């Protein structure tokens, strides 16, 4: 197991190196002169040339990449061209706000999604199963921005329970802070709940028909023990993969939700940096999203081994 963890960590590092090369290469090809972005479109050519020399923009692309990548390894993410401030604290503030939405939504998606999937599987073919299936199909078919509009219309405009947009820090009061994250969290849960519940349902139906579940029942074990300790533990294996991918999707695909609700997180920072061609901020933000995806999948692999002792990653499985 230790050898597998080391191999997976090395693979994560390799993925991040590849992503950093792609991100830097693609953003370097964008039609945006950094010197003109800093000095303005009407800056004299000699000033632009002097700034390009100062920033090393005339160096070969591999030298520029190495300078940028080595700075990241030292914890220096550079400086935002538009806001004229270090990217690291700016990005950290956005990540913390987005993680608040992501972790809260992830927990709710996992608990509610697995619960609905198990209930539907245990009531297979009955009205409750059909009701859950229709509701989850609706969740898959409807895009997130639609759920965001529905949440705003119902809970903000009609009922007046929640603010329609914005963000307030925890220092402004717990209830005020909570009100501003409920609507985005509800939108994210509605948009991702279906994948987890549908997969859990189908996996549970298959596992409940397996021989070891039949043997557990034959031993006279209570149905609750059979379902939780024997069936659910194995049925969760494919669900873990979906949950890990959902965590990455929640963090990386939070752009729509944060834009609709004017929530100042990582997604909105990405949109802001793209619109204003703030390349250093854009590069750092994309790299962070890629790291979250890679680490989420790494965590899923470890949970696989914990839930199923038959999996021996460090021996027979590469």
Protein backbone atom coordinates (compact mmCIF):
# COMPACT_ATOMS: atom_id res chain seq x y z
CA UNK A 1 0.00 0.00 0.00
CA UNK A 2 2.85 2.38 0.79
CA UNK A 3 4.37 1.74 -2.62
CA UNK A 4 1.03 2.42 -4.29
CA UNK A 5 0.63 5.72 -2.44
CA UNK A 6 4.08 6.83 -3.56
CA UNK A 7 3.35 5.85 -7.16
CA UNK A 8 0.04 7.71 -7.12
CA UNK A 9 1.65 10.80 -5.62
CA UNK A 10 4.29 10.69 -8.34
CA UNK A 11 1.53 10.39 -10.94
CA UNK A 12 -0.30 13.39 -9.43
CA UNK A 13 2.91 15.42 -9.63
CA UNK A 14 3.41 14.35 -13.26
CA UNK A 15 -0.15 15.37 -14.12
CA UNK A 16 0.33 18.78 -12.55
CA UNK A 17 3.58 19.30 -14.46
CA UNK A 18 1.82 18.42 -17.71
CA UNK A 19 -1.09 20.73 -16.89
CA UNK A 20 1.27 23.57 -16.03
CA UNK A 21 3.03 23.20 -19.39
CA UNK A 22 -0.29 23.19 -21.25
CA UNK A 23 -1.68 26.13 -19.31
CA UNK A 24 1.43 28.24 -19.74
CA UNK A 25 1.78 27.34 -23.41
CA UNK A 26 -1.86 28.04 -24.30
CA UNK A 27 -2.07 31.32 -22.37
CA UNK A 28 1.19 32.44 -23.95
CA UNK A 29 -0.43 32.05 -27.37
CA UNK A 30 -3.39 34.26 -26.49
CA UNK A 31 -3.55 37.55 -28.46
CA UNK A 32 -2.68 39.70 -25.47
CA UNK A 33 0.54 41.65 -24.98
CA UNK A 34 1.24 41.77 -21.26
CA UNK A 35 3.19 45.00 -21.58
CA UNK A 36 0.28 46.74 -23.30
CA UNK A 37 -2.11 45.38 -20.68
CA UNK A 38 0.00 46.97 -17.95
CA UNK A 39 0.83 50.27 -19.66
CA UNK A 40 -2.36 50.70 -21.64
CA UNK A 41 -3.14 50.42 -25.36
CA UNK A 42 -1.70 53.85 -26.18
CA UNK A 43 1.68 53.44 -24.47
CA UNK A 44 4.73 54.52 -26.52
CA UNK A 45 6.51 51.62 -28.24
CA UNK A 46 9.79 52.33 -26.47
CA UNK A 47 8.11 52.01 -23.04
CA UNK A 48 6.46 48.79 -24.11
CA UNK A 49 9.79 47.42 -25.31
CA UNK A 50 11.52 48.40 -22.08
CA UNK A 51 8.84 46.70 -19.99
CA UNK A 52 9.01 43.56 -22.13
CA UNK A 53 12.77 43.39 -21.49
CA UNK A 54 12.24 43.97 -17.77
CA UNK A 55 9.59 41.24 -17.49
CA UNK A 56 11.58 38.82 -19.62
CA UNK A 57 8.86 38.59 -22.27
CA UNK A 58 11.46 38.52 -25.03
CA UNK A 59 13.16 35.43 -23.58
CA UNK A 60 12.55 31.99 -25.13
CA UNK A 61 9.28 30.41 -24.07
CA UNK A 62 11.01 27.63 -22.13
CA UNK A 63 12.91 30.19 -20.03
CA UNK A 64 9.68 32.04 -19.28
CA UNK A 65 8.02 28.78 -18.26
CA UNK A 66 10.90 27.74 -16.02
CA UNK A 67 10.88 31.15 -14.32
CA UNK A 68 7.13 30.86 -13.72
CA UNK A 69 7.19 27.20 -12.60
CA UNK A 70 10.16 27.64 -10.28
CA UNK A 71 8.38 30.57 -8.68
CA UNK A 72 5.33 28.37 -8.04
CA UNK A 73 7.55 25.74 -6.40
CA UNK A 74 8.78 28.46 -4.05
CA UNK A 75 5.21 29.54 -3.32
CA UNK A 76 5.39 32.64 -5.49
CA UNK A 77 2.39 32.66 -7.84
CA UNK A 78 3.30 36.03 -9.29
CA UNK A 79 1.40 39.31 -9.26
CA UNK A 80 -1.95 40.21 -10.74
CA UNK A 81 -1.47 42.63 -13.59
CA UNK A 82 -4.88 44.20 -13.22
CA UNK A 83 -5.15 44.46 -9.42
CA UNK A 84 -1.41 45.04 -8.87
CA UNK A 85 -1.23 42.72 -5.86
CA UNK A 86 0.27 39.27 -5.18
CA UNK A 87 -1.81 36.42 -6.57
CA UNK A 88 -1.26 34.00 -3.66
CA UNK A 89 -3.37 35.81 -1.01
CA UNK A 90 -5.93 36.80 -3.65
CA UNK A 91 -6.25 33.19 -4.79
CA UNK A 92 -6.32 31.87 -1.23
CA UNK A 93 -9.28 34.10 -0.33
CA UNK A 94 -11.19 32.87 -3.39
CA UNK A 95 -10.33 29.22 -2.70
CA UNK A 96 -11.55 29.41 0.91
CA UNK A 97 -14.87 30.89 -0.21
CA UNK A 98 -15.30 28.31 -2.96
CA UNK A 99 -14.30 25.48 -0.64
CA UNK A 100 -17.05 26.58 1.72
CA UNK A 101 -19.60 25.99 -1.02
CA UNK A 102 -17.88 22.88 -2.35
CA UNK A 103 -17.39 21.01 0.93
CA UNK A 104 -20.89 21.83 2.18
CA UNK A 105 -22.44 20.75 -1.13
CA UNK A 106 -20.24 17.65 -1.28
CA UNK A 107 -21.32 16.46 2.16
CA UNK A 108 -24.99 17.01 1.36
CA UNK A 109 -24.67 15.32 -2.04
CA UNK A 110 -22.94 12.31 -0.48
CA UNK A 111 -25.38 11.88 2.41
CA UNK A 112 -28.61 12.61 0.52
CA UNK A 113 -27.51 10.94 -2.72
CA UNK A 114 -26.40 7.69 -1.07
CA UNK A 115 -29.49 7.70 1.14
CA UNK A 116 -31.87 8.14 -1.79
CA UNK A 117 -30.02 5.48 -3.77
CA UNK A 118 -30.23 2.94 -0.96
CA UNK A 119 -33.92 3.66 -0.32
CA UNK A 120 -34.73 3.34 -4.02
CA UNK A 121 -32.78 0.05 -4.26
CA UNK A 122 -34.52 -1.45 -1.22
CA UNK A 123 -37.89 -0.44 -2.73
CA UNK A 124 -36.94 -1.59 -6.22
CA UNK A 125 -39.88 -1.54 -8.61
CA UNK A 126 -42.21 0.16 -6.11
CA UNK A 127 -43.73 3.68 -6.31
CA UNK A 128 -41.01 5.17 -4.09
CA UNK A 129 -38.31 3.82 -6.42
CA UNK A 130 -40.09 5.33 -9.45
CA UNK A 131 -40.47 8.67 -7.67
CA UNK A 132 -36.77 8.86 -6.83
CA UNK A 133 -35.86 7.82 -10.38
CA UNK A 134 -38.00 10.53 -11.96
CA UNK A 135 -36.62 13.17 -9.59
CA UNK A 136 -33.03 12.17 -10.30
CA UNK A 137 -33.60 12.09 -14.06
CA UNK A 138 -34.91 15.63 -13.75
CA UNK A 139 -31.76 16.62 -11.90
CA UNK A 140 -29.59 15.20 -14.68
CA UNK A 141 -31.58 16.85 -17.46
CA UNK A 142 -31.75 20.37 -16.02
CA UNK A 143 -28.57 22.52 -16.14
CA UNK A 144 -27.21 24.30 -13.08
CA UNK A 145 -28.01 27.82 -14.25
CA UNK A 146 -31.71 26.84 -14.42
CA UNK A 147 -31.65 25.59 -10.83
CA UNK A 148 -29.95 28.86 -9.85
CA UNK A 149 -32.75 30.86 -11.45
CA UNK A 150 -35.39 28.68 -9.75
CA UNK A 151 -33.74 29.13 -6.34
CA UNK A 152 -33.56 32.91 -6.81
CA UNK A 153 -37.19 33.17 -7.96
CA UNK A 154 -38.59 30.95 -5.19
CA UNK A 155 -36.45 31.66 -2.13
CA UNK A 156 -35.34 35.24 -2.85
CA UNK A 157 -38.01 36.91 -4.97
CA UNK A 158 -41.15 35.04 -3.88
CA UNK A 159 -40.55 33.94 -0.28
CA UNK A 160 -37.91 36.55 0.54
CA UNK A 161 -36.02 34.13 2.77
CA UNK A 162 -32.61 34.43 1.15
CA UNK A 163 -30.57 37.16 -0.58
CA UNK A 164 -30.45 36.79 -4.35
CA UNK A 165 -26.71 37.43 -4.64
CA UNK A 166 -23.57 38.64 -2.91
CA UNK A 167 -21.41 37.45 -0.05
CA UNK A 168 -20.88 38.42 3.57
CA UNK A 169 -17.94 37.23 5.68
CA UNK A 170 -18.45 35.26 8.86
CA UNK A 171 -17.46 38.36 10.84
CA UNK A 172 -20.73 39.98 9.74
CA UNK A 173 -22.66 37.38 11.73
CA UNK A 174 -23.22 33.65 11.40
CA UNK A 175 -26.82 33.89 10.16
CA UNK A 176 -26.00 36.58 7.59
CA UNK A 177 -23.05 34.54 6.34
CA UNK A 178 -25.18 31.38 6.19
CA UNK A 179 -27.97 33.11 4.26
CA UNK A 180 -25.55 34.02 1.47
CA UNK A 181 -24.27 30.47 0.98
CA UNK A 182 -27.57 28.56 1.22
CA UNK A 183 -28.79 29.45 -2.28
CA UNK A 184 -25.53 28.55 -4.09
CA UNK A 185 -25.27 25.31 -2.10
CA UNK A 186 -28.85 24.35 -2.97
CA UNK A 187 -28.11 24.95 -6.65
CA UNK A 188 -24.98 22.78 -6.57
CA UNK A 189 -26.77 19.98 -4.70
CA UNK A 190 -29.67 19.94 -7.17
CA UNK A 191 -27.27 19.77 -10.08
CA UNK A 192 -25.07 16.92 -8.81
CA UNK A 193 -27.35 14.83 -6.60
CA UNK A 194 -28.69 12.71 -9.44
CA UNK A 195 -25.37 11.11 -10.42
CA UNK A 196 -24.69 9.80 -6.92
CA UNK A 197 -28.22 8.55 -6.20
CA UNK A 198 -28.61 6.80 -9.58
CA UNK A 199 -25.27 5.02 -9.34
CA UNK A 200 -25.83 4.02 -5.71
CA UNK A 201 -29.25 2.62 -6.60
CA UNK A 202 -28.01 0.47 -9.47
CA UNK A 203 -24.98 -0.73 -7.52
CA UNK A 204 -27.07 -1.61 -4.46
CA UNK A 205 -29.57 -3.56 -6.58
CA UNK A 206 -26.72 -5.62 -8.02
CA UNK A 207 -25.01 -6.20 -4.67
CA UNK A 208 -28.23 -7.17 -2.87
CA UNK A 209 -28.57 -10.07 -5.33
CA UNK A 210 -25.03 -11.33 -4.75
CA UNK A 211 -24.28 -14.68 -3.00
CA UNK A 212 -22.55 -13.21 0.06
CA UNK A 213 -25.63 -11.10 0.86
CA UNK A 214 -27.78 -14.23 0.56
CA UNK A 215 -25.36 -16.04 2.87
CA UNK A 216 -25.49 -13.19 5.40
CA UNK A 217 -29.27 -13.40 5.46
CA UNK A 218 -29.12 -17.18 5.82
CA UNK A 219 -27.02 -16.73 8.97
CA UNK A 220 -29.92 -14.83 10.50
CA UNK A 221 -28.27 -11.43 10.57
CA UNK A 222 -30.63 -8.46 10.95
CA UNK A 223 -31.55 -6.79 7.67
CA UNK A 224 -30.01 -3.53 8.86
CA UNK A 225 -26.64 -5.25 9.37
CA UNK A 226 -26.89 -7.01 6.01
CA UNK A 227 -27.62 -3.74 4.19
CA UNK A 228 -25.09 -1.50 5.94
CA UNK A 229 -22.14 -3.78 6.72
CA UNK A 230 -22.27 -6.22 3.82
CA UNK A 231 -24.13 -4.64 0.89
CA UNK A 232 -23.54 -0.91 1.21
CA UNK A 233 -19.80 -1.22 1.88
CA UNK A 234 -19.25 -2.88 -1.50
CA UNK A 235 -21.93 -0.94 -3.36
CA UNK A 236 -20.18 2.33 -2.47
CA UNK A 237 -17.05 1.51 -4.50
CA UNK A 238 -18.30 2.95 -7.82
CA UNK A 239 -20.06 5.76 -5.96
CA UNK A 240 -16.75 6.88 -4.46
CA UNK A 241 -15.36 7.45 -7.94
CA UNK A 242 -18.33 9.60 -8.88
CA UNK A 243 -18.10 11.53 -5.61
CA UNK A 244 -14.41 12.20 -6.19
CA UNK A 245 -15.10 13.46 -9.70
CA UNK A 246 -18.03 15.48 -8.39
CA UNK A 247 -15.75 17.18 -5.88
CA UNK A 248 -13.45 18.23 -8.68
CA UNK A 249 -16.41 19.26 -10.83
CA UNK A 250 -17.90 21.25 -7.96
CA UNK A 251 -14.66 23.16 -7.50
CA UNK A 252 -13.90 23.62 -11.17
CA UNK A 253 -17.44 23.97 -12.47
CA UNK A 254 -18.55 26.39 -9.79
CA UNK A 255 -18.08 29.20 -12.32
CA UNK A 256 -21.73 29.31 -13.36
CA UNK A 257 -23.12 29.32 -9.82
CA UNK A 258 -20.69 31.94 -8.54
CA UNK A 259 -21.38 34.15 -11.56
CA UNK A 260 -25.16 33.94 -11.18
CA UNK A 261 -25.05 34.63 -7.44
CA UNK A 262 -22.18 37.17 -7.69
CA UNK A 263 -20.25 35.05 -5.20
CA UNK A 264 -16.56 36.06 -4.99
CA UNK A 265 -14.94 32.65 -5.19
CA UNK A 266 -12.50 30.83 -7.43
CA UNK A 267 -14.97 30.48 -10.30
CA UNK A 268 -15.74 34.17 -10.43
CA UNK A 269 -12.03 34.96 -10.20
CA UNK A 270 -11.47 32.75 -13.25
CA UNK A 271 -14.14 34.61 -15.22
CA UNK A 272 -12.72 37.97 -14.10
CA UNK A 273 -9.18 37.04 -15.15
CA UNK A 274 -10.39 35.79 -18.55
CA UNK A 275 -12.49 38.86 -19.25
CA UNK A 276 -9.64 41.20 -18.31
CA UNK A 277 -6.83 39.02 -19.72
CA UNK A 278 -5.07 38.84 -16.39
CA UNK A 279 -2.86 35.95 -17.52
CA UNK A 280 -0.84 35.31 -14.31
CA UNK A 281 -4.05 35.05 -12.26
CA UNK A 282 -5.67 32.84 -14.88
CA UNK A 283 -2.67 30.48 -14.99
CA UNK A 284 -2.53 30.11 -11.21
CA UNK A 285 -6.29 29.56 -10.86
CA UNK A 286 -6.40 26.85 -13.54
CA UNK A 287 -3.44 25.08 -11.95
CA UNK A 288 -5.22 25.09 -8.58
CA UNK A 289 -8.35 23.57 -10.13
CA UNK A 290 -6.25 20.85 -11.79
CA UNK A 291 -4.56 20.07 -8.46
CA UNK A 292 -7.94 19.70 -6.76
CA UNK A 293 -9.11 17.28 -9.46
CA UNK A 294 -5.94 15.18 -9.13
CA UNK A 295 -6.02 15.08 -5.33
CA UNK A 296 -9.74 14.19 -5.32
CA UNK A 297 -9.05 11.15 -7.50
CA UNK A 298 -6.07 10.22 -5.31
CA UNK A 299 -8.34 10.31 -2.25
CA UNK A 300 -10.88 8.10 -4.07
CA UNK A 301 -8.22 5.45 -4.73
CA UNK A 302 -7.27 5.38 -1.06
CA UNK A 303 -10.91 5.01 -0.03
CA UNK A 304 -11.23 2.10 -2.46
CA UNK A 305 -8.53 0.20 -0.58
CA UNK A 306 -10.07 1.06 2.79
CA UNK A 307 -13.58 -0.10 1.85
CA UNK A 308 -12.52 -3.27 0.02
CA UNK A 309 -9.66 -5.20 1.65
CA UNK A 310 -9.48 -7.51 -1.39
CA UNK A 311 -7.94 -4.67 -3.34
CA UNK A 312 -4.16 -4.90 -2.99
CA UNK A 313 -2.87 -1.92 -4.86
CA UNK A 314 0.64 -2.42 -3.66
CA UNK A 315 0.88 -6.01 -4.96
CA UNK A 316 -1.09 -7.27 -7.94
CA UNK A 317 -2.74 -4.07 -9.05
CA UNK A 318 -0.58 -1.39 -10.64
